[in-house]
Amino acid sequence: MRKRDKFRRGSKRFSQFTLVGILNAAVDFGVLNLFLWLAPTRDPWELALFNGIALVLANLNSYWWNTRWTFRSRAENDLRQVVLFALQVLVNIGVSSAIFWALIHPLLTDTDIPAYLVGNVAKLISVIVASTISFFIMRYLVFSRKRWFGGRL
């Protein structure tokens, strides 16, 4: 396969992943802000819980769209891919939550900045970092044609 064709396919896949990511971000931010609207809080633990629920729903949305559109030609929906996707979700939630917590905790306990502003800025930064990592995990591990670890995963 020529490098230009490979680049075009990779660019198309990344564009599709980006569109799915925008939809995931809408779910993620929408759920977080719904919680902030329904149950306003400055408690970092509650905000972290709201963020965790939003992340789980966004990752379910991600699985749906990435297996049916972005990586459709590579999606096998077998146990291997489901397990690897679940591991990617754990990495995504772990990275995103750690960044989110690191940003909200000092700002909510040491300042008077509104919780919705702190939560949304922290969410934006954590989503950008975690989504970038997720793309590479999905592209090169979860939906890769190459079988890592001798085909056992």
N, C-alpha and C. Protein backbone atom coordinates (compact mmCIF):
# COMPACT_ATOMS: atom_id res chain seq x y z
N MET A 1 0.84 -1.17 0.00
CA MET A 1 0.00 0.00 0.00
C MET A 1 0.90 1.25 0.00
N ARG A 2 0.51 2.21 -0.79
CA ARG A 2 1.31 3.43 -0.90
C ARG A 2 1.14 4.29 0.35
N LYS A 3 2.19 5.04 0.66
CA LYS A 3 2.17 5.88 1.86
C LYS A 3 1.06 6.92 1.80
N ARG A 4 0.80 7.47 0.61
CA ARG A 4 -0.23 8.50 0.50
C ARG A 4 -1.61 7.91 0.81
N ASP A 5 -1.90 6.72 0.32
CA ASP A 5 -3.18 6.07 0.61
C ASP A 5 -3.32 5.76 2.10
N LYS A 6 -2.24 5.30 2.67
CA LYS A 6 -2.24 4.99 4.10
C LYS A 6 -2.48 6.26 4.91
N PHE A 7 -1.84 7.37 4.50
CA PHE A 7 -2.02 8.64 5.18
C PHE A 7 -3.46 9.12 5.06
N ARG A 8 -4.05 8.99 3.86
CA ARG A 8 -5.45 9.42 3.66
C ARG A 8 -6.41 8.62 4.54
N ARG A 9 -6.20 7.30 4.58
CA ARG A 9 -7.07 6.48 5.43
C ARG A 9 -6.90 6.83 6.90
N GLY A 10 -5.65 7.05 7.30
CA GLY A 10 -5.40 7.45 8.69
C GLY A 10 -6.01 8.79 9.01
N SER A 11 -5.92 9.73 8.06
CA SER A 11 -6.51 11.06 8.26
C SER A 11 -8.03 10.98 8.35
N LYS A 12 -8.62 10.14 7.49
CA LYS A 12 -10.08 9.97 7.53
C LYS A 12 -10.50 9.36 8.86
N ARG A 13 -9.77 8.34 9.30
CA ARG A 13 -10.11 7.69 10.56
C ARG A 13 -9.97 8.67 11.73
N PHE A 14 -8.90 9.48 11.71
CA PHE A 14 -8.72 10.46 12.78
C PHE A 14 -9.84 11.50 12.74
N SER A 15 -10.28 11.90 11.55
CA SER A 15 -11.39 12.86 11.43
C SER A 15 -12.67 12.26 11.99
N GLN A 16 -12.93 10.99 11.67
CA GLN A 16 -14.11 10.32 12.21
C GLN A 16 -14.01 10.22 13.73
N PHE A 17 -12.82 9.86 14.23
CA PHE A 17 -12.61 9.77 15.67
C PHE A 17 -12.86 11.12 16.32
N THR A 18 -12.43 12.19 15.66
CA THR A 18 -12.63 13.54 16.19
C THR A 18 -14.12 13.88 16.27
N LEU A 19 -14.88 13.53 15.23
CA LEU A 19 -16.33 13.78 15.26
C LEU A 19 -17.01 12.98 16.37
N VAL A 20 -16.61 11.73 16.51
CA VAL A 20 -17.14 10.92 17.61
C VAL A 20 -16.73 11.55 18.94
N GLY A 21 -15.51 12.03 19.00
CA GLY A 21 -15.03 12.69 20.22
C GLY A 21 -15.83 13.92 20.58
N ILE A 22 -16.24 14.67 19.57
CA ILE A 22 -17.08 15.85 19.82
C ILE A 22 -18.43 15.41 20.40
N LEU A 23 -18.99 14.34 19.84
CA LEU A 23 -20.24 13.80 20.37
C LEU A 23 -20.04 13.29 21.80
N ASN A 24 -18.93 12.60 22.04
CA ASN A 24 -18.62 12.13 23.40
C ASN A 24 -18.48 13.30 24.36
N ALA A 25 -17.80 14.35 23.90
CA ALA A 25 -17.63 15.54 24.76
C ALA A 25 -18.98 16.17 25.08
N ALA A 26 -19.89 16.17 24.10
CA ALA A 26 -21.23 16.71 24.35
C ALA A 26 -21.94 15.89 25.43
N VAL A 27 -21.82 14.57 25.35
CA VAL A 27 -22.41 13.71 26.39
C VAL A 27 -21.73 14.00 27.73
N ASP A 28 -20.41 14.01 27.71
CA ASP A 28 -19.61 14.20 28.92
C ASP A 28 -19.93 15.54 29.60
N PHE A 29 -19.82 16.63 28.85
CA PHE A 29 -20.10 17.96 29.40
C PHE A 29 -21.58 18.11 29.75
N GLY A 30 -22.45 17.54 28.91
CA GLY A 30 -23.89 17.64 29.16
C GLY A 30 -24.29 17.00 30.47
N VAL A 31 -23.78 15.79 30.71
CA VAL A 31 -24.11 15.09 31.95
C VAL A 31 -23.53 15.83 33.16
N LEU A 32 -22.26 16.23 33.06
CA LEU A 32 -21.64 16.97 34.18
C LEU A 32 -22.44 18.24 34.49
N ASN A 33 -22.79 19.00 33.46
CA ASN A 33 -23.52 20.25 33.69
C ASN A 33 -24.95 20.02 34.14
N LEU A 34 -25.56 18.92 33.72
CA LEU A 34 -26.88 18.59 34.23
C LEU A 34 -26.81 18.35 35.74
N PHE A 35 -25.80 17.59 36.17
CA PHE A 35 -25.61 17.37 37.61
C PHE A 35 -25.34 18.69 38.34
N LEU A 36 -24.49 19.53 37.76
CA LEU A 36 -24.17 20.81 38.40
C LEU A 36 -25.40 21.71 38.49
N TRP A 37 -26.29 21.59 37.54
CA TRP A 37 -27.50 22.39 37.55
C TRP A 37 -28.52 21.83 38.55
N LEU A 38 -28.66 20.49 38.57
CA LEU A 38 -29.63 19.86 39.45
C LEU A 38 -29.18 19.82 40.91
N ALA A 39 -27.87 19.65 41.12
CA ALA A 39 -27.34 19.52 42.49
C ALA A 39 -26.03 20.30 42.62
N PRO A 40 -26.11 21.64 42.60
CA PRO A 40 -24.88 22.44 42.68
C PRO A 40 -24.07 22.06 43.93
N THR A 41 -22.76 22.02 43.76
CA THR A 41 -21.90 21.64 44.88
C THR A 41 -20.52 22.25 44.72
N ARG A 42 -19.85 22.44 45.83
CA ARG A 42 -18.44 22.83 45.82
C ARG A 42 -17.60 21.70 46.43
N ASP A 43 -18.24 20.60 46.75
CA ASP A 43 -17.54 19.46 47.32
C ASP A 43 -16.77 18.73 46.21
N PRO A 44 -15.44 18.70 46.29
CA PRO A 44 -14.65 18.04 45.24
C PRO A 44 -15.02 16.57 45.03
N TRP A 45 -15.40 15.87 46.12
CA TRP A 45 -15.76 14.45 45.99
C TRP A 45 -17.05 14.28 45.20
N GLU A 46 -18.04 15.14 45.46
CA GLU A 46 -19.29 15.07 44.70
C GLU A 46 -19.05 15.42 43.24
N LEU A 47 -18.25 16.44 43.01
CA LEU A 47 -17.95 16.83 41.63
C LEU A 47 -17.19 15.73 40.91
N ALA A 48 -16.29 15.05 41.62
CA ALA A 48 -15.57 13.92 41.03
C ALA A 48 -16.53 12.77 40.70
N LEU A 49 -17.53 12.54 41.55
CA LEU A 49 -18.55 11.52 41.27
C LEU A 49 -19.35 11.89 40.02
N PHE A 50 -19.79 13.15 39.95
CA PHE A 50 -20.52 13.62 38.76
C PHE A 50 -19.66 13.40 37.51
N ASN A 51 -18.38 13.74 37.61
CA ASN A 51 -17.46 13.57 36.49
C ASN A 51 -17.33 12.10 36.11
N GLY A 52 -17.25 11.22 37.10
CA GLY A 52 -17.12 9.79 36.83
C GLY A 52 -18.32 9.23 36.08
N ILE A 53 -19.52 9.63 36.49
CA ILE A 53 -20.73 9.17 35.81
C ILE A 53 -20.75 9.69 34.37
N ALA A 54 -20.38 10.96 34.20
CA ALA A 54 -20.33 11.54 32.86
C ALA A 54 -19.32 10.80 31.97
N LEU A 55 -18.18 10.43 32.54
CA LEU A 55 -17.16 9.71 31.78
C LEU A 55 -17.63 8.32 31.35
N VAL A 56 -18.30 7.62 32.23
CA VAL A 56 -18.80 6.28 31.89
C VAL A 56 -19.79 6.38 30.73
N LEU A 57 -20.72 7.32 30.80
CA LEU A 57 -21.71 7.47 29.73
C LEU A 57 -21.05 7.90 28.42
N ALA A 58 -20.07 8.78 28.50
CA ALA A 58 -19.36 9.20 27.29
C ALA A 58 -18.58 8.04 26.67
N ASN A 59 -18.01 7.18 27.51
CA ASN A 59 -17.26 6.03 26.99
C ASN A 59 -18.18 4.97 26.40
N LEU A 60 -19.37 4.80 26.93
CA LEU A 60 -20.35 3.91 26.30
C LEU A 60 -20.73 4.43 24.91
N ASN A 61 -20.93 5.73 24.82
CA ASN A 61 -21.21 6.37 23.54
C ASN A 61 -20.03 6.16 22.59
N SER A 62 -18.83 6.28 23.10
CA SER A 62 -17.62 6.09 22.31
C SER A 62 -17.56 4.68 21.73
N TYR A 63 -17.85 3.69 22.55
CA TYR A 63 -17.82 2.30 22.07
C TYR A 63 -18.81 2.12 20.93
N TRP A 64 -20.01 2.61 21.12
CA TRP A 64 -21.05 2.47 20.10
C TRP A 64 -20.58 3.05 18.76
N TRP A 65 -20.17 4.31 18.75
CA TRP A 65 -19.81 4.98 17.51
C TRP A 65 -18.48 4.50 16.92
N ASN A 66 -17.51 4.21 17.76
CA ASN A 66 -16.23 3.78 17.22
C ASN A 66 -16.28 2.38 16.62
N THR A 67 -17.08 1.49 17.19
CA THR A 67 -17.17 0.15 16.61
C THR A 67 -18.08 0.12 15.38
N ARG A 68 -19.00 1.05 15.27
CA ARG A 68 -19.94 1.04 14.15
C ARG A 68 -19.58 2.02 13.05
N TRP A 69 -18.61 2.91 13.30
CA TRP A 69 -18.28 3.91 12.28
C TRP A 69 -16.78 4.09 12.13
N THR A 70 -16.12 4.66 13.12
CA THR A 70 -14.71 5.01 12.99
C THR A 70 -13.84 3.81 12.65
N PHE A 71 -13.95 2.75 13.41
CA PHE A 71 -13.12 1.56 13.21
C PHE A 71 -13.97 0.37 12.72
N ARG A 72 -15.04 0.67 12.01
CA ARG A 72 -15.98 -0.36 11.55
C ARG A 72 -15.28 -1.49 10.79
N SER A 73 -14.33 -1.14 9.92
CA SER A 73 -13.66 -2.18 9.13
C SER A 73 -12.76 -3.07 9.99
N ARG A 74 -12.44 -2.61 11.17
CA ARG A 74 -11.57 -3.38 12.06
C ARG A 74 -12.30 -3.92 13.28
N ALA A 75 -13.53 -3.52 13.46
CA ALA A 75 -14.29 -3.95 14.65
C ALA A 75 -14.76 -5.39 14.48
N GLU A 76 -14.37 -6.23 15.39
CA GLU A 76 -14.77 -7.63 15.36
C GLU A 76 -15.79 -7.96 16.44
N ASN A 77 -15.94 -7.06 17.40
CA ASN A 77 -16.88 -7.24 18.51
C ASN A 77 -16.70 -8.58 19.20
N ASP A 78 -15.47 -9.04 19.25
CA ASP A 78 -15.18 -10.30 19.94
C ASP A 78 -14.70 -9.98 21.36
N LEU A 79 -14.49 -11.02 22.12
CA LEU A 79 -14.08 -10.86 23.52
C LEU A 79 -12.79 -10.06 23.63
N ARG A 80 -11.84 -10.33 22.74
CA ARG A 80 -10.56 -9.63 22.76
C ARG A 80 -10.77 -8.12 22.65
N GLN A 81 -11.55 -7.68 21.65
CA GLN A 81 -11.76 -6.25 21.47
C GLN A 81 -12.57 -5.65 22.61
N VAL A 82 -13.54 -6.36 23.09
CA VAL A 82 -14.35 -5.84 24.20
C VAL A 82 -13.47 -5.65 25.44
N VAL A 83 -12.61 -6.63 25.73
CA VAL A 83 -11.72 -6.53 26.90
C VAL A 83 -10.73 -5.39 26.71
N LEU A 84 -10.12 -5.31 25.51
CA LEU A 84 -9.16 -4.22 25.26
C LEU A 84 -9.84 -2.86 25.30
N PHE A 85 -11.05 -2.77 24.77
CA PHE A 85 -11.77 -1.50 24.83
C PHE A 85 -12.07 -1.14 26.29
N ALA A 86 -12.47 -2.13 27.07
CA ALA A 86 -12.75 -1.88 28.49
C ALA A 86 -11.49 -1.40 29.22
N LEU A 87 -10.35 -2.00 28.88
CA LEU A 87 -9.09 -1.54 29.49
C LEU A 87 -8.77 -0.11 29.06
N GLN A 88 -9.04 0.20 27.80
CA GLN A 88 -8.84 1.57 27.31
C GLN A 88 -9.75 2.53 28.06
N VAL A 89 -10.99 2.10 28.32
CA VAL A 89 -11.92 2.94 29.08
C VAL A 89 -11.38 3.20 30.48
N LEU A 90 -10.83 2.17 31.11
CA LEU A 90 -10.25 2.35 32.45
C LEU A 90 -9.09 3.34 32.42
N VAL A 91 -8.24 3.24 31.40
CA VAL A 91 -7.13 4.21 31.25
C VAL A 91 -7.71 5.60 31.03
N ASN A 92 -8.71 5.72 30.15
CA ASN A 92 -9.32 7.01 29.87
C ASN A 92 -9.92 7.62 31.12
N ILE A 93 -10.69 6.83 31.85
CA ILE A 93 -11.33 7.34 33.06
C ILE A 93 -10.28 7.67 34.12
N GLY A 94 -9.25 6.83 34.25
CA GLY A 94 -8.20 7.10 35.22
C GLY A 94 -7.44 8.38 34.93
N VAL A 95 -7.00 8.55 33.68
CA VAL A 95 -6.26 9.76 33.29
C VAL A 95 -7.15 10.98 33.44
N SER A 96 -8.34 10.90 32.89
CA SER A 96 -9.26 12.03 32.93
C SER A 96 -9.61 12.42 34.37
N SER A 97 -9.91 11.43 35.19
CA SER A 97 -10.28 11.70 36.58
C SER A 97 -9.11 12.28 37.38
N ALA A 98 -7.91 11.76 37.14
CA ALA A 98 -6.74 12.27 37.86
C ALA A 98 -6.48 13.73 37.51
N ILE A 99 -6.56 14.05 36.23
CA ILE A 99 -6.36 15.45 35.81
C ILE A 99 -7.48 16.32 36.36
N PHE A 100 -8.71 15.84 36.24
CA PHE A 100 -9.86 16.59 36.74
C PHE A 100 -9.70 16.88 38.23
N TRP A 101 -9.37 15.86 39.01
CA TRP A 101 -9.20 16.02 40.45
C TRP A 101 -8.06 16.99 40.77
N ALA A 102 -6.95 16.83 40.08
CA ALA A 102 -5.79 17.69 40.33
C ALA A 102 -6.11 19.16 40.07
N LEU A 103 -7.01 19.41 39.14
CA LEU A 103 -7.38 20.79 38.84
C LEU A 103 -8.49 21.33 39.74
N ILE A 104 -9.50 20.50 40.06
CA ILE A 104 -10.64 21.03 40.83
C ILE A 104 -10.36 21.15 42.32
N HIS A 105 -9.63 20.19 42.87
CA HIS A 105 -9.48 20.16 44.32
C HIS A 105 -8.94 21.46 44.89
N PRO A 106 -7.79 21.96 44.42
CA PRO A 106 -7.30 23.21 45.01
C PRO A 106 -8.18 24.42 44.68
N LEU A 107 -8.78 24.43 43.50
CA LEU A 107 -9.59 25.58 43.11
C LEU A 107 -10.91 25.66 43.86
N LEU A 108 -11.46 24.52 44.22
CA LEU A 108 -12.71 24.54 44.95
C LEU A 108 -12.52 24.75 46.45
N THR A 109 -11.38 24.33 46.96
CA THR A 109 -11.16 24.46 48.40
C THR A 109 -10.45 25.76 48.78
N ASP A 110 -9.70 26.35 47.85
CA ASP A 110 -8.90 27.54 48.18
C ASP A 110 -9.34 28.83 47.51
N THR A 111 -10.37 28.79 46.66
CA THR A 111 -10.80 30.00 45.96
C THR A 111 -12.32 30.11 45.99
N ASP A 112 -12.81 31.22 45.50
CA ASP A 112 -14.26 31.43 45.38
C ASP A 112 -14.71 31.34 43.92
N ILE A 113 -13.90 30.76 43.06
CA ILE A 113 -14.28 30.61 41.66
C ILE A 113 -15.51 29.70 41.60
N PRO A 114 -16.52 30.08 40.81
CA PRO A 114 -17.74 29.26 40.73
C PRO A 114 -17.44 27.81 40.33
N ALA A 115 -18.15 26.89 40.96
CA ALA A 115 -17.92 25.46 40.73
C ALA A 115 -18.16 25.06 39.27
N TYR A 116 -19.18 25.66 38.63
CA TYR A 116 -19.44 25.30 37.23
C TYR A 116 -18.27 25.69 36.33
N LEU A 117 -17.62 26.82 36.64
CA LEU A 117 -16.47 27.26 35.84
C LEU A 117 -15.27 26.35 36.08
N VAL A 118 -14.99 26.06 37.33
CA VAL A 118 -13.90 25.15 37.68
C VAL A 118 -14.12 23.79 37.04
N GLY A 119 -15.33 23.26 37.17
CA GLY A 119 -15.65 21.95 36.63
C GLY A 119 -15.52 21.88 35.12
N ASN A 120 -15.99 22.90 34.44
CA ASN A 120 -15.94 22.88 32.98
C ASN A 120 -14.53 23.08 32.42
N VAL A 121 -13.75 23.93 33.04
CA VAL A 121 -12.36 24.12 32.59
C VAL A 121 -11.56 22.84 32.85
N ALA A 122 -11.73 22.28 34.04
CA ALA A 122 -11.03 21.03 34.37
C ALA A 122 -11.47 19.91 33.42
N LYS A 123 -12.76 19.85 33.13
CA LYS A 123 -13.29 18.84 32.21
C LYS A 123 -12.67 19.00 30.82
N LEU A 124 -12.60 20.21 30.32
CA LEU A 124 -12.04 20.46 28.99
C LEU A 124 -10.59 19.98 28.90
N ILE A 125 -9.79 20.35 29.86
CA ILE A 125 -8.37 19.95 29.85
C ILE A 125 -8.25 18.44 29.96
N SER A 126 -9.00 17.84 30.87
CA SER A 126 -8.90 16.38 31.06
C SER A 126 -9.40 15.61 29.84
N VAL A 127 -10.43 16.11 29.17
CA VAL A 127 -10.96 15.45 27.97
C VAL A 127 -9.94 15.49 26.83
N ILE A 128 -9.30 16.61 26.63
CA ILE A 128 -8.31 16.73 25.55
C ILE A 128 -7.17 15.74 25.76
N VAL A 129 -6.62 15.68 26.95
CA VAL A 129 -5.50 14.78 27.22
C VAL A 129 -5.93 13.32 27.12
N ALA A 130 -7.01 12.95 27.80
CA ALA A 130 -7.45 11.56 27.83
C ALA A 130 -7.90 11.07 26.45
N SER A 131 -8.55 11.93 25.67
CA SER A 131 -9.01 11.53 24.33
C SER A 131 -7.85 11.28 23.38
N THR A 132 -6.82 12.08 23.49
CA THR A 132 -5.64 11.87 22.64
C THR A 132 -5.00 10.52 22.95
N ILE A 133 -4.86 10.22 24.22
CA ILE A 133 -4.30 8.93 24.62
C ILE A 133 -5.21 7.79 24.13
N SER A 134 -6.52 7.96 24.28
CA SER A 134 -7.48 6.93 23.86
C SER A 134 -7.39 6.64 22.37
N PHE A 135 -7.23 7.68 21.55
CA PHE A 135 -7.13 7.46 20.10
C PHE A 135 -6.00 6.49 19.80
N PHE A 136 -4.84 6.74 20.37
CA PHE A 136 -3.68 5.90 20.06
C PHE A 136 -3.86 4.48 20.61
N ILE A 137 -4.47 4.35 21.76
CA ILE A 137 -4.72 3.00 22.29
C ILE A 137 -5.71 2.26 21.39
N MET A 138 -6.78 2.94 20.96
CA MET A 138 -7.75 2.27 20.10
C MET A 138 -7.16 1.97 18.72
N ARG A 139 -6.44 2.91 18.17
CA ARG A 139 -5.89 2.73 16.82
C ARG A 139 -4.82 1.63 16.78
N TYR A 140 -3.94 1.61 17.76
CA TYR A 140 -2.80 0.71 17.68
C TYR A 140 -2.90 -0.55 18.56
N LEU A 141 -3.95 -0.66 19.35
CA LEU A 141 -4.10 -1.85 20.18
C LEU A 141 -5.49 -2.47 20.02
N VAL A 142 -6.52 -1.71 20.38
CA VAL A 142 -7.88 -2.28 20.39
C VAL A 142 -8.32 -2.68 18.99
N PHE A 143 -8.21 -1.76 18.02
CA PHE A 143 -8.69 -2.02 16.67
C PHE A 143 -7.55 -2.25 15.68
N SER A 144 -6.42 -2.69 16.17
CA SER A 144 -5.28 -2.97 15.31
C SER A 144 -5.44 -4.32 14.63
N ARG A 145 -4.95 -4.40 13.42
CA ARG A 145 -4.95 -5.68 12.72
C ARG A 145 -3.81 -6.56 13.22
N LYS A 146 -2.80 -5.90 13.78
CA LYS A 146 -1.67 -6.63 14.33
C LYS A 146 -2.09 -7.21 15.68
N ARG A 147 -1.79 -8.44 15.93
CA ARG A 147 -2.14 -9.09 17.18
C ARG A 147 -0.95 -9.02 18.12
N TRP A 148 -1.12 -8.25 19.17
CA TRP A 148 -0.07 -8.09 20.17
C TRP A 148 -0.05 -9.29 21.10
N PHE A 149 1.05 -9.50 21.74
CA PHE A 149 1.18 -10.54 22.76
C PHE A 149 0.90 -11.94 22.20
N GLY A 150 1.37 -12.18 20.97
CA GLY A 150 1.22 -13.51 20.38
C GLY A 150 -0.23 -13.88 20.08
N GLY A 151 -1.10 -12.89 19.90
CA GLY A 151 -2.48 -13.17 19.57
C GLY A 151 -3.36 -13.53 20.77
N ARG A 152 -2.77 -13.51 21.97
CA ARG A 152 -3.54 -13.89 23.16
C ARG A 152 -4.47 -12.78 23.61
N LEU A 153 -4.24 -11.56 23.18
CA LEU A 153 -5.13 -10.46 23.55
C LEU A 153 -5.89 -9.98 22.35
